[in-house]
PDBML (XML) file of the C-alpha atoms, coordinates in Angstrom:
<?xml version="1.0" encoding="UTF-8" ?>
<PDBx:datablock datablockName="MODEL"
   xmlns:PDBx="http://pdbml.pdb.org/schema/pdbx-v50.xsd"
   xmlns:xsi="http://www.w3.org/2001/XMLSchema-instance"
   xsi:schemaLocation="http://pdbml.pdb.org/schema/pdbx-v50.xsd pdbx-v50.xsd">
   <PDBx:atom_siteCategory>
      <PDBx:atom_site id="1">
         <PDBx:B_iso_or_equiv>0.00</PDBx:B_iso_or_equiv>
         <PDBx:Cartn_x>74.757</PDBx:Cartn_x>
         <PDBx:Cartn_y>55.182</PDBx:Cartn_y>
         <PDBx:Cartn_z>45.829</PDBx:Cartn_z>
         <PDBx:auth_asym_id>A</PDBx:auth_asym_id>
         <PDBx:auth_atom_id>CA</PDBx:auth_atom_id>
         <PDBx:auth_comp_id>UNK</PDBx:auth_comp_id>
         <PDBx:auth_seq_id>1</PDBx:auth_seq_id>
         <PDBx:group_PDB>ATOM</PDBx:group_PDB>
         <PDBx:label_alt_id xsi:nil="true" />
         <PDBx:label_asym_id>A</PDBx:label_asym_id>
         <PDBx:label_atom_id>CA</PDBx:label_atom_id>
         <PDBx:label_comp_id>UNK</PDBx:label_comp_id>
         <PDBx:label_entity_id>1</PDBx:label_entity_id>
         <PDBx:label_seq_id>1</PDBx:label_seq_id>
         <PDBx:occupancy>1.00</PDBx:occupancy>
         <PDBx:pdbx_PDB_model_num>1</PDBx:pdbx_PDB_model_num>
         <PDBx:type_symbol>C</PDBx:type_symbol>
      </PDBx:atom_site>
      <PDBx:atom_site id="2">
         <PDBx:B_iso_or_equiv>0.00</PDBx:B_iso_or_equiv>
         <PDBx:Cartn_x>75.418</PDBx:Cartn_x>
         <PDBx:Cartn_y>58.446</PDBx:Cartn_y>
         <PDBx:Cartn_z>47.894</PDBx:Cartn_z>
         <PDBx:auth_asym_id>A</PDBx:auth_asym_id>
         <PDBx:auth_atom_id>CA</PDBx:auth_atom_id>
         <PDBx:auth_comp_id>UNK</PDBx:auth_comp_id>
         <PDBx:auth_seq_id>2</PDBx:auth_seq_id>
         <PDBx:group_PDB>ATOM</PDBx:group_PDB>
         <PDBx:label_alt_id xsi:nil="true" />
         <PDBx:label_asym_id>A</PDBx:label_asym_id>
         <PDBx:label_atom_id>CA</PDBx:label_atom_id>
         <PDBx:label_comp_id>UNK</PDBx:label_comp_id>
         <PDBx:label_entity_id>1</PDBx:label_entity_id>
         <PDBx:label_seq_id>2</PDBx:label_seq_id>
         <PDBx:occupancy>1.00</PDBx:occupancy>
         <PDBx:pdbx_PDB_model_num>1</PDBx:pdbx_PDB_model_num>
         <PDBx:type_symbol>C</PDBx:type_symbol>
      </PDBx:atom_site>
      <PDBx:atom_site id="3">
         <PDBx:B_iso_or_equiv>0.00</PDBx:B_iso_or_equiv>
         <PDBx:Cartn_x>75.293</PDBx:Cartn_x>
         <PDBx:Cartn_y>56.429</PDBx:Cartn_y>
         <PDBx:Cartn_z>50.677</PDBx:Cartn_z>
         <PDBx:auth_asym_id>A</PDBx:auth_asym_id>
         <PDBx:auth_atom_id>CA</PDBx:auth_atom_id>
         <PDBx:auth_comp_id>UNK</PDBx:auth_comp_id>
         <PDBx:auth_seq_id>3</PDBx:auth_seq_id>
         <PDBx:group_PDB>ATOM</PDBx:group_PDB>
         <PDBx:label_alt_id xsi:nil="true" />
         <PDBx:label_asym_id>A</PDBx:label_asym_id>
         <PDBx:label_atom_id>CA</PDBx:label_atom_id>
         <PDBx:label_comp_id>UNK</PDBx:label_comp_id>
         <PDBx:label_entity_id>1</PDBx:label_entity_id>
         <PDBx:label_seq_id>3</PDBx:label_seq_id>
         <PDBx:occupancy>1.00</PDBx:occupancy>
         <PDBx:pdbx_PDB_model_num>1</PDBx:pdbx_PDB_model_num>
         <PDBx:type_symbol>C</PDBx:type_symbol>
      </PDBx:atom_site>
      <PDBx:atom_site id="4">
         <PDBx:B_iso_or_equiv>0.00</PDBx:B_iso_or_equiv>
         <PDBx:Cartn_x>77.635</PDBx:Cartn_x>
         <PDBx:Cartn_y>54.495</PDBx:Cartn_y>
         <PDBx:Cartn_z>50.000</PDBx:Cartn_z>
         <PDBx:auth_asym_id>A</PDBx:auth_asym_id>
         <PDBx:auth_atom_id>CA</PDBx:auth_atom_id>
         <PDBx:auth_comp_id>UNK</PDBx:auth_comp_id>
         <PDBx:auth_seq_id>4</PDBx:auth_seq_id>
         <PDBx:group_PDB>ATOM</PDBx:group_PDB>
         <PDBx:label_alt_id xsi:nil="true" />
         <PDBx:label_asym_id>A</PDBx:label_asym_id>
         <PDBx:label_atom_id>CA</PDBx:label_atom_id>
         <PDBx:label_comp_id>UNK</PDBx:label_comp_id>
         <PDBx:label_entity_id>1</PDBx:label_entity_id>
         <PDBx:label_seq_id>4</PDBx:label_seq_id>
         <PDBx:occupancy>1.00</PDBx:occupancy>
         <PDBx:pdbx_PDB_model_num>1</PDBx:pdbx_PDB_model_num>
         <PDBx:type_symbol>C</PDBx:type_symbol>
      </PDBx:atom_site>
      <PDBx:atom_site id="5">
         <PDBx:B_iso_or_equiv>0.00</PDBx:B_iso_or_equiv>
         <PDBx:Cartn_x>80.230</PDBx:Cartn_x>
         <PDBx:Cartn_y>57.157</PDBx:Cartn_y>
         <PDBx:Cartn_z>50.155</PDBx:Cartn_z>
         <PDBx:auth_asym_id>A</PDBx:auth_asym_id>
         <PDBx:auth_atom_id>CA</PDBx:auth_atom_id>
         <PDBx:auth_comp_id>UNK</PDBx:auth_comp_id>
         <PDBx:auth_seq_id>5</PDBx:auth_seq_id>
         <PDBx:group_PDB>ATOM</PDBx:group_PDB>
         <PDBx:label_alt_id xsi:nil="true" />
         <PDBx:label_asym_id>A</PDBx:label_asym_id>
         <PDBx:label_atom_id>CA</PDBx:label_atom_id>
         <PDBx:label_comp_id>UNK</PDBx:label_comp_id>
         <PDBx:label_entity_id>1</PDBx:label_entity_id>
         <PDBx:label_seq_id>5</PDBx:label_seq_id>
         <PDBx:occupancy>1.00</PDBx:occupancy>
         <PDBx:pdbx_PDB_model_num>1</PDBx:pdbx_PDB_model_num>
         <PDBx:type_symbol>C</PDBx:type_symbol>
      </PDBx:atom_site>
      <PDBx:atom_site id="6">
         <PDBx:B_iso_or_equiv>0.00</PDBx:B_iso_or_equiv>
         <PDBx:Cartn_x>81.551</PDBx:Cartn_x>
         <PDBx:Cartn_y>58.100</PDBx:Cartn_y>
         <PDBx:Cartn_z>53.277</PDBx:Cartn_z>
         <PDBx:auth_asym_id>A</PDBx:auth_asym_id>
         <PDBx:auth_atom_id>CA</PDBx:auth_atom_id>
         <PDBx:auth_comp_id>UNK</PDBx:auth_comp_id>
         <PDBx:auth_seq_id>6</PDBx:auth_seq_id>
         <PDBx:group_PDB>ATOM</PDBx:group_PDB>
         <PDBx:label_alt_id xsi:nil="true" />
         <PDBx:label_asym_id>A</PDBx:label_asym_id>
         <PDBx:label_atom_id>CA</PDBx:label_atom_id>
         <PDBx:label_comp_id>UNK</PDBx:label_comp_id>
         <PDBx:label_entity_id>1</PDBx:label_entity_id>
         <PDBx:label_seq_id>6</PDBx:label_seq_id>
         <PDBx:occupancy>1.00</PDBx:occupancy>
         <PDBx:pdbx_PDB_model_num>1</PDBx:pdbx_PDB_model_num>
         <PDBx:type_symbol>C</PDBx:type_symbol>
      </PDBx:atom_site>
      <PDBx:atom_site id="7">
         <PDBx:B_iso_or_equiv>0.00</PDBx:B_iso_or_equiv>
         <PDBx:Cartn_x>82.352</PDBx:Cartn_x>
         <PDBx:Cartn_y>61.581</PDBx:Cartn_y>
         <PDBx:Cartn_z>51.983</PDBx:Cartn_z>
         <PDBx:auth_asym_id>A</PDBx:auth_asym_id>
         <PDBx:auth_atom_id>CA</PDBx:auth_atom_id>
         <PDBx:auth_comp_id>UNK</PDBx:auth_comp_id>
         <PDBx:auth_seq_id>7</PDBx:auth_seq_id>
         <PDBx:group_PDB>ATOM</PDBx:group_PDB>
         <PDBx:label_alt_id xsi:nil="true" />
         <PDBx:label_asym_id>A</PDBx:label_asym_id>
         <PDBx:label_atom_id>CA</PDBx:label_atom_id>
         <PDBx:label_comp_id>UNK</PDBx:label_comp_id>
         <PDBx:label_entity_id>1</PDBx:label_entity_id>
         <PDBx:label_seq_id>7</PDBx:label_seq_id>
         <PDBx:occupancy>1.00</PDBx:occupancy>
         <PDBx:pdbx_PDB_model_num>1</PDBx:pdbx_PDB_model_num>
         <PDBx:type_symbol>C</PDBx:type_symbol>
      </PDBx:atom_site>
      <PDBx:atom_site id="8">
         <PDBx:B_iso_or_equiv>0.00</PDBx:B_iso_or_equiv>
         <PDBx:Cartn_x>78.995</PDBx:Cartn_x>
         <PDBx:Cartn_y>62.548</PDBx:Cartn_y>
         <PDBx:Cartn_z>52.172</PDBx:Cartn_z>
         <PDBx:auth_asym_id>A</PDBx:auth_asym_id>
         <PDBx:auth_atom_id>CA</PDBx:auth_atom_id>
         <PDBx:auth_comp_id>UNK</PDBx:auth_comp_id>
         <PDBx:auth_seq_id>8</PDBx:auth_seq_id>
         <PDBx:group_PDB>ATOM</PDBx:group_PDB>
         <PDBx:label_alt_id xsi:nil="true" />
         <PDBx:label_asym_id>A</PDBx:label_asym_id>
         <PDBx:label_atom_id>CA</PDBx:label_atom_id>
         <PDBx:label_comp_id>UNK</PDBx:label_comp_id>
         <PDBx:label_entity_id>1</PDBx:label_entity_id>
         <PDBx:label_seq_id>8</PDBx:label_seq_id>
         <PDBx:occupancy>1.00</PDBx:occupancy>
         <PDBx:pdbx_PDB_model_num>1</PDBx:pdbx_PDB_model_num>
         <PDBx:type_symbol>C</PDBx:type_symbol>
      </PDBx:atom_site>
      <PDBx:atom_site id="9">
         <PDBx:B_iso_or_equiv>0.00</PDBx:B_iso_or_equiv>
         <PDBx:Cartn_x>76.689</PDBx:Cartn_x>
         <PDBx:Cartn_y>62.881</PDBx:Cartn_y>
         <PDBx:Cartn_z>55.762</PDBx:Cartn_z>
         <PDBx:auth_asym_id>A</PDBx:auth_asym_id>
         <PDBx:auth_atom_id>CA</PDBx:auth_atom_id>
         <PDBx:auth_comp_id>UNK</PDBx:auth_comp_id>
         <PDBx:auth_seq_id>9</PDBx:auth_seq_id>
         <PDBx:group_PDB>ATOM</PDBx:group_PDB>
         <PDBx:label_alt_id xsi:nil="true" />
         <PDBx:label_asym_id>A</PDBx:label_asym_id>
         <PDBx:label_atom_id>CA</PDBx:label_atom_id>
         <PDBx:label_comp_id>UNK</PDBx:label_comp_id>
         <PDBx:label_entity_id>1</PDBx:label_entity_id>
         <PDBx:label_seq_id>9</PDBx:label_seq_id>
         <PDBx:occupancy>1.00</PDBx:occupancy>
         <PDBx:pdbx_PDB_model_num>1</PDBx:pdbx_PDB_model_num>
         <PDBx:type_symbol>C</PDBx:type_symbol>
      </PDBx:atom_site>
      <PDBx:atom_site id="10">
         <PDBx:B_iso_or_equiv>0.00</PDBx:B_iso_or_equiv>
         <PDBx:Cartn_x>73.441</PDBx:Cartn_x>
         <PDBx:Cartn_y>60.033</PDBx:Cartn_y>
         <PDBx:Cartn_z>55.714</PDBx:Cartn_z>
         <PDBx:auth_asym_id>A</PDBx:auth_asym_id>
         <PDBx:auth_atom_id>CA</PDBx:auth_atom_id>
         <PDBx:auth_comp_id>UNK</PDBx:auth_comp_id>
         <PDBx:auth_seq_id>10</PDBx:auth_seq_id>
         <PDBx:group_PDB>ATOM</PDBx:group_PDB>
         <PDBx:label_alt_id xsi:nil="true" />
         <PDBx:label_asym_id>A</PDBx:label_asym_id>
         <PDBx:label_atom_id>CA</PDBx:label_atom_id>
         <PDBx:label_comp_id>UNK</PDBx:label_comp_id>
         <PDBx:label_entity_id>1</PDBx:label_entity_id>
         <PDBx:label_seq_id>10</PDBx:label_seq_id>
         <PDBx:occupancy>1.00</PDBx:occupancy>
         <PDBx:pdbx_PDB_model_num>1</PDBx:pdbx_PDB_model_num>
         <PDBx:type_symbol>C</PDBx:type_symbol>
      </PDBx:atom_site>
      <PDBx:atom_site id="11">
         <PDBx:B_iso_or_equiv>0.00</PDBx:B_iso_or_equiv>
         <PDBx:Cartn_x>71.399</PDBx:Cartn_x>
         <PDBx:Cartn_y>63.379</PDBx:Cartn_y>
         <PDBx:Cartn_z>55.691</PDBx:Cartn_z>
         <PDBx:auth_asym_id>A</PDBx:auth_asym_id>
         <PDBx:auth_atom_id>CA</PDBx:auth_atom_id>
         <PDBx:auth_comp_id>UNK</PDBx:auth_comp_id>
         <PDBx:auth_seq_id>11</PDBx:auth_seq_id>
         <PDBx:group_PDB>ATOM</PDBx:group_PDB>
         <PDBx:label_alt_id xsi:nil="true" />
         <PDBx:label_asym_id>A</PDBx:label_asym_id>
         <PDBx:label_atom_id>CA</PDBx:label_atom_id>
         <PDBx:label_comp_id>UNK</PDBx:label_comp_id>
         <PDBx:label_entity_id>1</PDBx:label_entity_id>
         <PDBx:label_seq_id>11</PDBx:label_seq_id>
         <PDBx:occupancy>1.00</PDBx:occupancy>
         <PDBx:pdbx_PDB_model_num>1</PDBx:pdbx_PDB_model_num>
         <PDBx:type_symbol>C</PDBx:type_symbol>
      </PDBx:atom_site>
      <PDBx:atom_site id="12">
         <PDBx:B_iso_or_equiv>0.00</PDBx:B_iso_or_equiv>
         <PDBx:Cartn_x>72.400</PDBx:Cartn_x>
         <PDBx:Cartn_y>63.572</PDBx:Cartn_y>
         <PDBx:Cartn_z>51.697</PDBx:Cartn_z>
         <PDBx:auth_asym_id>A</PDBx:auth_asym_id>
         <PDBx:auth_atom_id>CA</PDBx:auth_atom_id>
         <PDBx:auth_comp_id>UNK</PDBx:auth_comp_id>
         <PDBx:auth_seq_id>12</PDBx:auth_seq_id>
         <PDBx:group_PDB>ATOM</PDBx:group_PDB>
         <PDBx:label_alt_id xsi:nil="true" />
         <PDBx:label_asym_id>A</PDBx:label_asym_id>
         <PDBx:label_atom_id>CA</PDBx:label_atom_id>
         <PDBx:label_comp_id>UNK</PDBx:label_comp_id>
         <PDBx:label_entity_id>1</PDBx:label_entity_id>
         <PDBx:label_seq_id>12</PDBx:label_seq_id>
         <PDBx:occupancy>1.00</PDBx:occupancy>
         <PDBx:pdbx_PDB_model_num>1</PDBx:pdbx_PDB_model_num>
         <PDBx:type_symbol>C</PDBx:type_symbol>
      </PDBx:atom_site>
      <PDBx:atom_site id="13">
         <PDBx:B_iso_or_equiv>0.00</PDBx:B_iso_or_equiv>
         <PDBx:Cartn_x>71.435</PDBx:Cartn_x>
         <PDBx:Cartn_y>59.914</PDBx:Cartn_y>
         <PDBx:Cartn_z>50.984</PDBx:Cartn_z>
         <PDBx:auth_asym_id>A</PDBx:auth_asym_id>
         <PDBx:auth_atom_id>CA</PDBx:auth_atom_id>
         <PDBx:auth_comp_id>UNK</PDBx:auth_comp_id>
         <PDBx:auth_seq_id>13</PDBx:auth_seq_id>
         <PDBx:group_PDB>ATOM</PDBx:group_PDB>
         <PDBx:label_alt_id xsi:nil="true" />
         <PDBx:label_asym_id>A</PDBx:label_asym_id>
         <PDBx:label_atom_id>CA</PDBx:label_atom_id>
         <PDBx:label_comp_id>UNK</PDBx:label_comp_id>
         <PDBx:label_entity_id>1</PDBx:label_entity_id>
         <PDBx:label_seq_id>13</PDBx:label_seq_id>
         <PDBx:occupancy>1.00</PDBx:occupancy>
         <PDBx:pdbx_PDB_model_num>1</PDBx:pdbx_PDB_model_num>
         <PDBx:type_symbol>C</PDBx:type_symbol>
      </PDBx:atom_site>
      <PDBx:atom_site id="14">
         <PDBx:B_iso_or_equiv>0.00</PDBx:B_iso_or_equiv>
         <PDBx:Cartn_x>67.901</PDBx:Cartn_x>
         <PDBx:Cartn_y>60.571</PDBx:Cartn_y>
         <PDBx:Cartn_z>52.350</PDBx:Cartn_z>
         <PDBx:auth_asym_id>A</PDBx:auth_asym_id>
         <PDBx:auth_atom_id>CA</PDBx:auth_atom_id>
         <PDBx:auth_comp_id>UNK</PDBx:auth_comp_id>
         <PDBx:auth_seq_id>14</PDBx:auth_seq_id>
         <PDBx:group_PDB>ATOM</PDBx:group_PDB>
         <PDBx:label_alt_id xsi:nil="true" />
         <PDBx:label_asym_id>A</PDBx:label_asym_id>
         <PDBx:label_atom_id>CA</PDBx:label_atom_id>
         <PDBx:label_comp_id>UNK</PDBx:label_comp_id>
         <PDBx:label_entity_id>1</PDBx:label_entity_id>
         <PDBx:label_seq_id>14</PDBx:label_seq_id>
         <PDBx:occupancy>1.00</PDBx:occupancy>
         <PDBx:pdbx_PDB_model_num>1</PDBx:pdbx_PDB_model_num>
         <PDBx:type_symbol>C</PDBx:type_symbol>
      </PDBx:atom_site>
      <PDBx:atom_site id="15">
         <PDBx:B_iso_or_equiv>0.00</PDBx:B_iso_or_equiv>
         <PDBx:Cartn_x>67.353</PDBx:Cartn_x>
         <PDBx:Cartn_y>63.915</PDBx:Cartn_y>
         <PDBx:Cartn_z>51.470</PDBx:Cartn_z>
         <PDBx:auth_asym_id>A</PDBx:auth_asym_id>
         <PDBx:auth_atom_id>CA</PDBx:auth_atom_id>
         <PDBx:auth_comp_id>UNK</PDBx:auth_comp_id>
         <PDBx:auth_seq_id>15</PDBx:auth_seq_id>
         <PDBx:group_PDB>ATOM</PDBx:group_PDB>
         <PDBx:label_alt_id xsi:nil="true" />
         <PDBx:label_asym_id>A</PDBx:label_asym_id>
         <PDBx:label_atom_id>CA</PDBx:label_atom_id>
         <PDBx:label_comp_id>UNK</PDBx:label_comp_id>
         <PDBx:label_entity_id>1</PDBx:label_entity_id>
         <PDBx:label_seq_id>15</PDBx:label_seq_id>
         <PDBx:occupancy>1.00</PDBx:occupancy>
         <PDBx:pdbx_PDB_model_num>1</PDBx:pdbx_PDB_model_num>
         <PDBx:type_symbol>C</PDBx:type_symbol>
      </PDBx:atom_site>
      <PDBx:atom_site id="16">
         <PDBx:B_iso_or_equiv>0.00</PDBx:B_iso_or_equiv>
         <PDBx:Cartn_x>68.031</PDBx:Cartn_x>
         <PDBx:Cartn_y>61.956</PDBx:Cartn_y>
         <PDBx:Cartn_z>47.612</PDBx:Cartn_z>
         <PDBx:auth_asym_id>A</PDBx:auth_asym_id>
         <PDBx:auth_atom_id>CA</PDBx:auth_atom_id>
         <PDBx:auth_comp_id>UNK</PDBx:auth_comp_id>
         <PDBx:auth_seq_id>16</PDBx:auth_seq_id>
         <PDBx:group_PDB>ATOM</PDBx:group_PDB>
         <PDBx:label_alt_id xsi:nil="true" />
         <PDBx:label_asym_id>A</PDBx:label_asym_id>
         <PDBx:label_atom_id>CA</PDBx:label_atom_id>
         <PDBx:label_comp_id>UNK</PDBx:label_comp_id>
         <PDBx:label_entity_id>1</PDBx:label_entity_id>
         <PDBx:label_seq_id>16</PDBx:label_seq_id>
         <PDBx:occupancy>1.00</PDBx:occupancy>
         <PDBx:pdbx_PDB_model_num>1</PDBx:pdbx_PDB_model_num>
         <PDBx:type_symbol>C</PDBx:type_symbol>
      </PDBx:atom_site>
      <PDBx:atom_site id="17">
         <PDBx:B_iso_or_equiv>0.00</PDBx:B_iso_or_equiv>
         <PDBx:Cartn_x>65.829</PDBx:Cartn_x>
         <PDBx:Cartn_y>59.276</PDBx:Cartn_y>
         <PDBx:Cartn_z>47.935</PDBx:Cartn_z>
         <PDBx:auth_asym_id>A</PDBx:auth_asym_id>
         <PDBx:auth_atom_id>CA</PDBx:auth_atom_id>
         <PDBx:auth_comp_id>UNK</PDBx:auth_comp_id>
         <PDBx:auth_seq_id>17</PDBx:auth_seq_id>
         <PDBx:group_PDB>ATOM</PDBx:group_PDB>
         <PDBx:label_alt_id xsi:nil="true" />
         <PDBx:label_asym_id>A</PDBx:label_asym_id>
         <PDBx:label_atom_id>CA</PDBx:label_atom_id>
         <PDBx:label_comp_id>UNK</PDBx:label_comp_id>
         <PDBx:label_entity_id>1</PDBx:label_entity_id>
         <PDBx:label_seq_id>17</PDBx:label_seq_id>
         <PDBx:occupancy>1.00</PDBx:occupancy>
         <PDBx:pdbx_PDB_model_num>1</PDBx:pdbx_PDB_model_num>
         <PDBx:type_symbol>C</PDBx:type_symbol>
      </PDBx:atom_site>
      <PDBx:atom_site id="18">
         <PDBx:B_iso_or_equiv>0.00</PDBx:B_iso_or_equiv>
         <PDBx:Cartn_x>63.037</PDBx:Cartn_x>
         <PDBx:Cartn_y>62.177</PDBx:Cartn_y>
         <PDBx:Cartn_z>49.171</PDBx:Cartn_z>
         <PDBx:auth_asym_id>A</PDBx:auth_asym_id>
         <PDBx:auth_atom_id>CA</PDBx:auth_atom_id>
         <PDBx:auth_comp_id>UNK</PDBx:auth_comp_id>
         <PDBx:auth_seq_id>18</PDBx:auth_seq_id>
         <PDBx:group_PDB>ATOM</PDBx:group_PDB>
         <PDBx:label_alt_id xsi:nil="true" />
         <PDBx:label_asym_id>A</PDBx:label_asym_id>
         <PDBx:label_atom_id>CA</PDBx:label_atom_id>
         <PDBx:label_comp_id>UNK</PDBx:label_comp_id>
         <PDBx:label_entity_id>1</PDBx:label_entity_id>
         <PDBx:label_seq_id>18</PDBx:label_seq_id>
         <PDBx:occupancy>1.00</PDBx:occupancy>
         <PDBx:pdbx_PDB_model_num>1</PDBx:pdbx_PDB_model_num>
         <PDBx:type_symbol>C</PDBx:type_symbol>
      </PDBx:atom_site>
      <PDBx:atom_site id="19">
         <PDBx:B_iso_or_equiv>0.00</PDBx:B_iso_or_equiv>
         <PDBx:Cartn_x>64.330</PDBx:Cartn_x>
         <PDBx:Cartn_y>63.534</PDBx:Cartn_y>
         <PDBx:Cartn_z>46.073</PDBx:Cartn_z>
         <PDBx:auth_asym_id>A</PDBx:auth_asym_id>
         <PDBx:auth_atom_id>CA</PDBx:auth_atom_id>
         <PDBx:auth_comp_id>UNK</PDBx:auth_comp_id>
         <PDBx:auth_seq_id>19</PDBx:auth_seq_id>
         <PDBx:group_PDB>ATOM</PDBx:group_PDB>
         <PDBx:label_alt_id xsi:nil="true" />
         <PDBx:label_asym_id>A</PDBx:label_asym_id>
         <PDBx:label_atom_id>CA</PDBx:label_atom_id>
         <PDBx:label_comp_id>UNK</PDBx:label_comp_id>
         <PDBx:label_entity_id>1</PDBx:label_entity_id>
         <PDBx:label_seq_id>19</PDBx:label_seq_id>
         <PDBx:occupancy>1.00</PDBx:occupancy>
         <PDBx:pdbx_PDB_model_num>1</PDBx:pdbx_PDB_model_num>
         <PDBx:type_symbol>C</PDBx:type_symbol>
      </PDBx:atom_site>
      <PDBx:atom_site id="20">
         <PDBx:B_iso_or_equiv>0.00</PDBx:B_iso_or_equiv>
         <PDBx:Cartn_x>63.514</PDBx:Cartn_x>
         <PDBx:Cartn_y>60.526</PDBx:Cartn_y>
         <PDBx:Cartn_z>43.952</PDBx:Cartn_z>
         <PDBx:auth_asym_id>A</PDBx:auth_asym_id>
         <PDBx:auth_atom_id>CA</PDBx:auth_atom_id>
         <PDBx:auth_comp_id>UNK</PDBx:auth_comp_id>
         <PDBx:auth_seq_id>20</PDBx:auth_seq_id>
         <PDBx:group_PDB>ATOM</PDBx:group_PDB>
         <PDBx:label_alt_id xsi:nil="true" />
         <PDBx:label_asym_id>A</PDBx:label_asym_id>
         <PDBx:label_atom_id>CA</PDBx:label_atom_id>
         <PDBx:label_comp_id>UNK</PDBx:label_comp_id>
         <PDBx:label_entity_id>1</PDBx:label_entity_id>
         <PDBx:label_seq_id>20</PDBx:label_seq_id>
         <PDBx:occupancy>1.00</PDBx:occupancy>
         <PDBx:pdbx_PDB_model_num>1</PDBx:pdbx_PDB_model_num>
         <PDBx:type_symbol>C</PDBx:type_symbol>
      </PDBx:atom_site>
      <PDBx:atom_site id="21">
         <PDBx:B_iso_or_equiv>0.00</PDBx:B_iso_or_equiv>
         <PDBx:Cartn_x>60.395</PDBx:Cartn_x>
         <PDBx:Cartn_y>58.960</PDBx:Cartn_y>
         <PDBx:Cartn_z>45.712</PDBx:Cartn_z>
         <PDBx:auth_asym_id>A</PDBx:auth_asym_id>
         <PDBx:auth_atom_id>CA</PDBx:auth_atom_id>
         <PDBx:auth_comp_id>UNK</PDBx:auth_comp_id>
         <PDBx:auth_seq_id>21</PDBx:auth_seq_id>
         <PDBx:group_PDB>ATOM</PDBx:group_PDB>
         <PDBx:label_alt_id xsi:nil="true" />
         <PDBx:label_asym_id>A</PDBx:label_asym_id>
         <PDBx:label_atom_id>CA</PDBx:label_atom_id>
         <PDBx:label_comp_id>UNK</PDBx:label_comp_id>
         <PDBx:label_entity_id>1</PDBx:label_entity_id>
         <PDBx:label_seq_id>21</PDBx:label_seq_id>
         <PDBx:occupancy>1.00</PDBx:occupancy>
         <PDBx:pdbx_PDB_model_num>1</PDBx:pdbx_PDB_model_num>
         <PDBx:type_symbol>C</PDBx:type_symbol>
      </PDBx:atom_site>
      <PDBx:atom_site id="22">
         <PDBx:B_iso_or_equiv>0.00</PDBx:B_iso_or_equiv>
         <PDBx:Cartn_x>59.104</PDBx:Cartn_x>
         <PDBx:Cartn_y>62.525</PDBx:Cartn_y>
         <PDBx:Cartn_z>44.599</PDBx:Cartn_z>
         <PDBx:auth_asym_id>A</PDBx:auth_asym_id>
         <PDBx:auth_atom_id>CA</PDBx:auth_atom_id>
         <PDBx:auth_comp_id>UNK</PDBx:auth_comp_id>
         <PDBx:auth_seq_id>22</PDBx:auth_seq_id>
         <PDBx:group_PDB>ATOM</PDBx:group_PDB>
         <PDBx:label_alt_id xsi:nil="true" />
         <PDBx:label_asym_id>A</PDBx:label_asym_id>
         <PDBx:label_atom_id>CA</PDBx:label_atom_id>
         <PDBx:label_comp_id>UNK</PDBx:label_comp_id>
         <PDBx:label_entity_id>1</PDBx:label_entity_id>
         <PDBx:label_seq_id>22</PDBx:label_seq_id>
         <PDBx:occupancy>1.00</PDBx:occupancy>
         <PDBx:pdbx_PDB_model_num>1</PDBx:pdbx_PDB_model_num>
         <PDBx:type_symbol>C</PDBx:type_symbol>
      </PDBx:atom_site>
      <PDBx:atom_site id="23">
         <PDBx:B_iso_or_equiv>0.00</PDBx:B_iso_or_equiv>
         <PDBx:Cartn_x>60.366</PDBx:Cartn_x>
         <PDBx:Cartn_y>62.516</PDBx:Cartn_y>
         <PDBx:Cartn_z>40.777</PDBx:Cartn_z>
         <PDBx:auth_asym_id>A</PDBx:auth_asym_id>
         <PDBx:auth_atom_id>CA</PDBx:auth_atom_id>
         <PDBx:auth_comp_id>UNK</PDBx:auth_comp_id>
         <PDBx:auth_seq_id>23</PDBx:auth_seq_id>
         <PDBx:group_PDB>ATOM</PDBx:group_PDB>
         <PDBx:label_alt_id xsi:nil="true" />
         <PDBx:label_asym_id>A</PDBx:label_asym_id>
         <PDBx:label_atom_id>CA</PDBx:label_atom_id>
         <PDBx:label_comp_id>UNK</PDBx:label_comp_id>
         <PDBx:label_entity_id>1</PDBx:label_entity_id>
         <PDBx:label_seq_id>23</PDBx:label_seq_id>
         <PDBx:occupancy>1.00</PDBx:occupancy>
         <PDBx:pdbx_PDB_model_num>1</PDBx:pdbx_PDB_model_num>
         <PDBx:type_symbol>C</PDBx:type_symbol>
      </PDBx:atom_site>
      <PDBx:atom_site id="24">
         <PDBx:B_iso_or_equiv>0.00</PDBx:B_iso_or_equiv>
         <PDBx:Cartn_x>61.924</PDBx:Cartn_x>
         <PDBx:Cartn_y>66.073</PDBx:Cartn_y>
         <PDBx:Cartn_z>42.367</PDBx:Cartn_z>
         <PDBx:auth_asym_id>A</PDBx:auth_asym_id>
         <PDBx:auth_atom_id>CA</PDBx:auth_atom_id>
         <PDBx:auth_comp_id>UNK</PDBx:auth_comp_id>
         <PDBx:auth_seq_id>24</PDBx:auth_seq_id>
         <PDBx:group_PDB>ATOM</PDBx:group_PDB>
         <PDBx:label_alt_id xsi:nil="true" />
         <PDBx:label_asym_id>A</PDBx:label_asym_id>
         <PDBx:label_atom_id>CA</PDBx:label_atom_id>
         <PDBx:label_comp_id>UNK</PDBx:label_comp_id>
         <PDBx:label_entity_id>1</PDBx:label_entity_id>
         <PDBx:label_seq_id>24</PDBx:label_seq_id>
         <PDBx:occupancy>1.00</PDBx:occupancy>
         <PDBx:pdbx_PDB_model_num>1</PDBx:pdbx_PDB_model_num>
         <PDBx:type_symbol>C</PDBx:type_symbol>
      </PDBx:atom_site>
   </PDBx:atom_siteCategory>
</PDBx:datablock>
């Protein structure tokens, strides 16, 4: 969802993906 929003840089989507995978 974050990746699809052009307002946020790609790094934000990657960091959230790591958080979702680790449950943190």
